[in-house]
Amino acid sequence: MICTLVFLVFFFFLDNNGILTTRSLRNNNNRLKKQKAELEESIRIDSLNYMKMNKDAAEIERFGRENFYMKRDNEEIFIVKRDK
């Protein structure tokens, strides 16, 4: 009886394929799947923006002005940051 108990404790908790290791790997796998989905969505959005910029020069200017605060020679830009 004691031998069986020791075997079960070893098998379920201390082995490389034990419950604790399996649960940790499953949690890590789920986290990586969520991260993959987020990155795929980001890639999709960036691809759409890239296709828009290849078709229209005004889109390139809009992107540069919004994201990199670029300006024309005869204008000034004021950046207002809001506290969250």
N, C-alpha and C. Protein backbone atom coordinates (compact mmCIF):
# COMPACT_ATOMS: atom_id res chain seq x y z
N MET A 1 0.82 -1.19 0.00
CA MET A 1 0.00 0.00 0.00
C MET A 1 0.88 1.26 0.00
N ILE A 2 1.90 1.28 0.84
CA ILE A 2 2.79 2.44 0.92
C ILE A 2 3.54 2.62 -0.39
N CYS A 3 3.96 1.53 -0.97
CA CYS A 3 4.69 1.58 -2.24
C CYS A 3 3.80 2.16 -3.34
N THR A 4 2.54 1.77 -3.37
CA THR A 4 1.59 2.31 -4.36
C THR A 4 1.38 3.79 -4.13
N LEU A 5 1.25 4.20 -2.90
CA LEU A 5 1.07 5.61 -2.58
C LEU A 5 2.28 6.44 -3.00
N VAL A 6 3.47 5.93 -2.72
CA VAL A 6 4.69 6.63 -3.13
C VAL A 6 4.77 6.72 -4.65
N PHE A 7 4.42 5.65 -5.33
CA PHE A 7 4.43 5.65 -6.79
C PHE A 7 3.45 6.68 -7.34
N LEU A 8 2.25 6.74 -6.80
CA LEU A 8 1.25 7.69 -7.28
C LEU A 8 1.67 9.13 -7.02
N VAL A 9 2.24 9.41 -5.86
CA VAL A 9 2.73 10.76 -5.56
C VAL A 9 3.82 11.15 -6.54
N PHE A 10 4.76 10.22 -6.77
CA PHE A 10 5.83 10.49 -7.73
C PHE A 10 5.26 10.70 -9.13
N PHE A 11 4.34 9.83 -9.52
CA PHE A 11 3.79 9.87 -10.87
C PHE A 11 3.01 11.16 -11.13
N PHE A 12 2.21 11.58 -10.17
CA PHE A 12 1.35 12.75 -10.39
C PHE A 12 2.04 14.09 -10.12
N PHE A 13 3.00 14.16 -9.23
CA PHE A 13 3.55 15.44 -8.84
C PHE A 13 5.02 15.65 -9.18
N LEU A 14 5.83 14.63 -9.13
CA LEU A 14 7.27 14.81 -9.28
C LEU A 14 7.79 14.43 -10.66
N ASP A 15 7.03 13.73 -11.43
CA ASP A 15 7.46 13.29 -12.75
C ASP A 15 7.45 14.47 -13.73
N ASN A 16 8.21 14.36 -14.82
CA ASN A 16 8.23 15.41 -15.85
C ASN A 16 6.88 15.56 -16.54
N ASN A 17 6.08 14.53 -16.53
CA ASN A 17 4.75 14.58 -17.14
C ASN A 17 3.66 14.63 -16.08
N GLY A 18 3.99 15.12 -14.92
CA GLY A 18 3.05 15.16 -13.81
C GLY A 18 1.99 16.23 -13.99
N ILE A 19 1.09 16.26 -13.06
CA ILE A 19 -0.05 17.18 -13.13
C ILE A 19 0.42 18.63 -13.09
N LEU A 20 1.33 18.96 -12.21
CA LEU A 20 1.79 20.35 -12.08
C LEU A 20 2.48 20.82 -13.35
N THR A 21 3.33 19.99 -13.93
CA THR A 21 4.03 20.36 -15.16
C THR A 21 3.05 20.49 -16.31
N THR A 22 2.12 19.55 -16.40
CA THR A 22 1.13 19.58 -17.48
C THR A 22 0.26 20.83 -17.39
N ARG A 23 -0.16 21.18 -16.18
CA ARG A 23 -0.99 22.38 -16.00
C ARG A 23 -0.21 23.64 -16.36
N SER A 24 1.04 23.70 -15.97
CA SER A 24 1.87 24.85 -16.29
C SER A 24 2.05 24.98 -17.81
N LEU A 25 2.30 23.88 -18.46
CA LEU A 25 2.47 23.91 -19.92
C LEU A 25 1.17 24.29 -20.63
N ARG A 26 0.04 23.82 -20.12
CA ARG A 26 -1.25 24.16 -20.72
C ARG A 26 -1.53 25.65 -20.57
N ASN A 27 -1.24 26.21 -19.40
CA ASN A 27 -1.44 27.66 -19.19
C ASN A 27 -0.53 28.47 -20.12
N ASN A 28 0.71 28.03 -20.26
CA ASN A 28 1.64 28.71 -21.15
C ASN A 28 1.16 28.62 -22.60
N ASN A 29 0.65 27.47 -22.99
CA ASN A 29 0.14 27.27 -24.35
C ASN A 29 -1.03 28.21 -24.61
N ASN A 30 -1.96 28.33 -23.66
CA ASN A 30 -3.11 29.22 -23.84
C ASN A 30 -2.67 30.68 -23.95
N ARG A 31 -1.69 31.06 -23.13
CA ARG A 31 -1.18 32.44 -23.19
C ARG A 31 -0.54 32.71 -24.55
N LEU A 32 0.21 31.76 -25.06
CA LEU A 32 0.86 31.94 -26.36
C LEU A 32 -0.15 31.97 -27.51
N LYS A 33 -1.23 31.22 -27.39
CA LYS A 33 -2.29 31.25 -28.42
C LYS A 33 -2.96 32.63 -28.46
N LYS A 34 -3.20 33.21 -27.28
CA LYS A 34 -3.79 34.55 -27.24
C LYS A 34 -2.84 35.57 -27.84
N GLN A 35 -1.56 35.45 -27.52
CA GLN A 35 -0.56 36.37 -28.05
C GLN A 35 -0.47 36.23 -29.57
N LYS A 36 -0.55 35.01 -30.07
CA LYS A 36 -0.51 34.77 -31.51
C LYS A 36 -1.69 35.43 -32.21
N ALA A 37 -2.89 35.31 -31.63
CA ALA A 37 -4.08 35.93 -32.21
C ALA A 37 -3.93 37.45 -32.25
N GLU A 38 -3.40 38.04 -31.17
CA GLU A 38 -3.21 39.49 -31.14
C GLU A 38 -2.20 39.93 -32.20
N LEU A 39 -1.13 39.18 -32.35
CA LEU A 39 -0.11 39.53 -33.34
C LEU A 39 -0.63 39.36 -34.77
N GLU A 40 -1.43 38.33 -35.01
CA GLU A 40 -2.02 38.14 -36.34
C GLU A 40 -2.96 39.30 -36.68
N GLU A 41 -3.72 39.77 -35.70
CA GLU A 41 -4.60 40.92 -35.92
C GLU A 41 -3.78 42.17 -36.22
N SER A 42 -2.68 42.34 -35.51
CA SER A 42 -1.80 43.48 -35.75
C SER A 42 -1.20 43.41 -37.16
N ILE A 43 -0.81 42.22 -37.57
CA ILE A 43 -0.27 42.04 -38.92
C ILE A 43 -1.32 42.36 -39.97
N ARG A 44 -2.55 41.94 -39.73
CA ARG A 44 -3.63 42.21 -40.68
C ARG A 44 -3.87 43.72 -40.83
N ILE A 45 -3.89 44.43 -39.72
CA ILE A 45 -4.11 45.89 -39.75
C ILE A 45 -2.94 46.58 -40.46
N ASP A 46 -1.72 46.17 -40.14
CA ASP A 46 -0.55 46.76 -40.78
C ASP A 46 -0.52 46.48 -42.29
N SER A 47 -0.95 45.29 -42.68
CA SER A 47 -0.99 44.95 -44.11
C SER A 47 -2.00 45.83 -44.85
N LEU A 48 -3.15 46.07 -44.22
CA LEU A 48 -4.15 46.95 -44.84
C LEU A 48 -3.61 48.38 -44.98
N ASN A 49 -2.94 48.87 -43.94
CA ASN A 49 -2.35 50.20 -44.00
C ASN A 49 -1.27 50.27 -45.09
N TYR A 50 -0.48 49.23 -45.21
CA TYR A 50 0.57 49.17 -46.24
C TYR A 50 -0.04 49.22 -47.64
N MET A 51 -1.11 48.45 -47.84
CA MET A 51 -1.77 48.45 -49.16
C MET A 51 -2.36 49.82 -49.46
N LYS A 52 -2.95 50.48 -48.47
CA LYS A 52 -3.50 51.82 -48.67
C LYS A 52 -2.39 52.80 -49.05
N MET A 53 -1.25 52.71 -48.38
CA MET A 53 -0.16 53.65 -48.64
C MET A 53 0.48 53.42 -50.01
N ASN A 54 0.46 52.20 -50.49
CA ASN A 54 1.01 51.95 -51.83
C ASN A 54 0.12 52.51 -52.92
N LYS A 55 -1.15 52.70 -52.64
CA LYS A 55 -2.09 53.17 -53.66
C LYS A 55 -2.23 54.69 -53.68
N ASP A 56 -1.99 55.35 -52.56
CA ASP A 56 -2.32 56.78 -52.46
C ASP A 56 -1.21 57.53 -51.71
N ALA A 57 -0.66 58.55 -52.35
CA ALA A 57 0.39 59.35 -51.72
C ALA A 57 -0.18 60.17 -50.55
N ALA A 58 -1.44 60.57 -50.64
CA ALA A 58 -2.05 61.33 -49.55
C ALA A 58 -2.14 60.48 -48.29
N GLU A 59 -2.29 59.18 -48.45
CA GLU A 59 -2.35 58.28 -47.30
C GLU A 59 -1.00 58.21 -46.59
N ILE A 60 0.09 58.27 -47.35
CA ILE A 60 1.43 58.29 -46.76
C ILE A 60 1.60 59.56 -45.94
N GLU A 61 1.16 60.68 -46.49
CA GLU A 61 1.27 61.94 -45.77
C GLU A 61 0.43 61.91 -44.49
N ARG A 62 -0.79 61.40 -44.58
CA ARG A 62 -1.67 61.32 -43.41
C ARG A 62 -1.04 60.45 -42.32
N PHE A 63 -0.47 59.32 -42.72
CA PHE A 63 0.16 58.41 -41.76
C PHE A 63 1.34 59.09 -41.06
N GLY A 64 2.18 59.76 -41.83
CA GLY A 64 3.33 60.45 -41.27
C GLY A 64 2.93 61.57 -40.34
N ARG A 65 1.90 62.31 -40.70
CA ARG A 65 1.45 63.42 -39.88
C ARG A 65 0.83 62.93 -38.56
N GLU A 66 0.06 61.83 -38.62
CA GLU A 66 -0.60 61.33 -37.41
C GLU A 66 0.36 60.61 -36.47
N ASN A 67 1.26 59.83 -37.01
CA ASN A 67 2.07 58.96 -36.17
C ASN A 67 3.44 59.54 -35.83
N PHE A 68 3.98 60.38 -36.68
CA PHE A 68 5.33 60.90 -36.46
C PHE A 68 5.36 62.42 -36.31
N TYR A 69 4.17 63.04 -36.21
CA TYR A 69 4.03 64.48 -36.00
C TYR A 69 4.80 65.29 -37.04
N MET A 70 4.78 64.82 -38.28
CA MET A 70 5.42 65.57 -39.36
C MET A 70 4.54 66.76 -39.73
N LYS A 71 5.16 67.80 -40.26
CA LYS A 71 4.40 68.99 -40.59
C LYS A 71 4.88 69.56 -41.92
N ARG A 72 4.04 70.41 -42.46
CA ARG A 72 4.42 71.13 -43.68
C ARG A 72 5.26 72.33 -43.27
N ASP A 73 5.88 72.97 -44.27
CA ASP A 73 6.75 74.11 -43.98
C ASP A 73 6.01 75.29 -43.38
N ASN A 74 4.78 75.51 -43.76
CA ASN A 74 4.08 76.72 -43.35
C ASN A 74 3.08 76.49 -42.21
N GLU A 75 3.27 75.48 -41.41
CA GLU A 75 2.33 75.23 -40.32
C GLU A 75 3.07 74.81 -39.06
N GLU A 76 2.35 74.92 -37.94
CA GLU A 76 2.90 74.50 -36.67
C GLU A 76 1.98 73.44 -36.08
N ILE A 77 2.56 72.57 -35.29
CA ILE A 77 1.79 71.49 -34.68
C ILE A 77 1.83 71.65 -33.17
N PHE A 78 0.67 71.54 -32.57
CA PHE A 78 0.56 71.57 -31.12
C PHE A 78 0.07 70.19 -30.67
N ILE A 79 0.82 69.57 -29.80
CA ILE A 79 0.45 68.24 -29.31
C ILE A 79 -0.14 68.40 -27.93
N VAL A 80 -1.39 67.95 -27.79
CA VAL A 80 -2.08 68.03 -26.51
C VAL A 80 -2.17 66.62 -25.96
N LYS A 81 -1.55 66.42 -24.80
CA LYS A 81 -1.60 65.11 -24.17
C LYS A 81 -2.58 65.16 -23.02
N ARG A 82 -3.45 64.17 -22.97
CA ARG A 82 -4.45 64.11 -21.93
C ARG A 82 -4.03 63.11 -20.87
N ASP A 83 -4.29 63.46 -19.62
CA ASP A 83 -4.02 62.53 -18.53
C ASP A 83 -5.11 61.48 -18.51
N LYS A 84 -4.70 60.26 -18.26
CA LYS A 84 -5.70 59.17 -18.25
C LYS A 84 -6.10 58.84 -16.85
